[in-house]
């Protein structure tokens, strides 16, 4: 069997990126964001992308670079604060935005990966989120239908992978990354460490390797989104 390990982020995306594809991109703020893969995606020159991500990086980092270059046509996101690049592009009409509540977006990705085309939830009923979507009553309550998301490409970041692509995430990086990984028709993971098969206890695997087609070591630094320092003590 061919190795899943790629020599570089650019090599990990070779031959699989096209214009207008739907990309699921992991990360919770900057935590667990696959920055090396996002930069490699930008370098391919693809455009017209629809990107599913909880947020869109911060100015100058991650997906904000693609937004600034007008390579993303639509974002499906939960939170877009702290990103003036995104705000400017949206207000100028350069990008379409579909808000999806965090739990709903997570379930849409999980459902897509599980082959479930749609589901019903109470979240968003009576708000702009639910406009134009089918509704149904269950046990006396009104629910709105949400469609599952199946991505053409999923980009995720994990702490560790073995050579078969079994992934272990660290702490908050488990927000969204596991669901992103299962939603992708092709999933590429950037990781801190690659270990031999059998090194990871099967009970500790967060994303089974069957969902992961390619793995590559991260070349991006781990970033801190907000730096807070204790006030200097006065002598």
Foldseek 3Di string as FASTA:
>chain_A
DDWQEDAALLRNCPPQDAAQFEEEFADDALAFGQQRNQVSNVVVVHANYEYEYQEQHACPGHNLVCLLVLRYAEYEHADHPRHVSVVVCVVVVSHHYQYDHQVRSLVLLQCLLVVNFKDWDQPPPPHPNQPPFDWDDDPRDITTMDTRAAGQEYETEAAEAERLGQGAHDPPSPRSRQSSLSRHPEYEYEYQYYHHPPPDDPVRGSHDSVSYRHYYHGPDDRDDPDDDDDDDDDD
